[in-house]
Amino acid sequence: MDSDLKKEYKLLNNSYAKSLSYGVGLHAGFFSEINLLILAVLYCLQNRIRFVLHSSSANFRFVHGWEDYFEPFCLETKGQVLDRIDRREKINYDFSITKPRRLYRLAKYELTLYLLKKKLGVDFITFDLLDEILNRKLEHVQFNIPELGIDGDLQDACRIVARMVWKLNSGTQQIVDKYTGSLYLPEKYLGFQIRRGDKHQEIDFKNTGIYLRKAAENSDLRDAFVLTDDFTVIEEIRNKYSSWTIHTLCQPKERGYAHTDFFSKNRTEIYNDTVKLIANIEVLKNSELFIGTFSANPSMFLGMYMGHGKAISVDVPWQVWYGKEVENIK
């Protein structure tokens, strides 16, 4: 079934005349980038644009980029010029200062873009379409792509795309199996993401008890796997809520994630951390019910992957929360 879906996707994707070279891992955290990629793939399907991946400069790469962790699902573009120029926002030059050097740089930049797209055989790169990919008006669109079984709202459509692109390669799967095998999980369990660390800079933390109360409203299960970046959360649940049995891959030394620390790590450390995060998600997506905060990107991903009713948020509804409304949807 999954192989048939990927085959149908490749046939459909390769039938489109216009192309987008989309860069993953250009700026943000791992699941912010994964969520954006899923939205970009769906946008291209909806607008009949061939999706081509660019991951050779991804901030999570170990050697190759996407294929360090996942099976390929489409063609990929590579090149040093693309690595340097592909980003979320186009470089803007100050036209109020018409110095010859500034105009020369602008002309050189635009010529480089033109020649790069021509060489790659694409019409767009990431920043050309990103605002439309993140258009919050898409939350009100009904998607119908029968070749892939897509027939529903944005979250439903993203579920099909997420399950197509999220295919671990054999190397990643072996490491993930070691992680999950160490947990001795019961057949049925609940899943939580309780984010701490630097997330408070974007949104207020929710009290740990709120997650457990939401779970109790929806399930009688008291076995749970918790994804968290702060072992204090695990200690709090075990001390205050003795009826719960908690499983986690979080270690006692982990006391809050800061994204700024990511940039000081070497490639091996980034790879190991990313595979461990993937292992957490593999456990959570197999839970009977997931409770998290859709303002956090791993939870947003699980809202896509698991679909309506299987993933619940204790803060915002599932949405393209880092997007904005754009009037023109192609």
Foldseek 3Di string as FASTA:
>chain_A
DLVLLLVLLAVQLVVAQAEEEEEAQQDDDDLVRVVLVLLVSVLCSQVRYRYEYEACLHLLDLHRGLQVWFDDSYHYDDDPLCSVQAHQAHDDQDPVDPDPVSVVVVVVSVVSVVVVCVVVVHDYYNNVCSQLSLAQVQQVDFDDDVSNPGTGGPLSSSQSSLSNGPHTDPVLVVVLCVVVVVFPADQAAEEEEQEDAPCVVPPNGDDLVLQVVVCVVPDPDQEYEYHYQACVSVVVCVVPPVSHHYTYPHDNVRHHDDVVVSVVDDNVVSNVVVSVVVSSLVVNLSHQAYEYALVDSSLLSSCSNNHPPRYYYPDDDNGSVPHYHDDDND
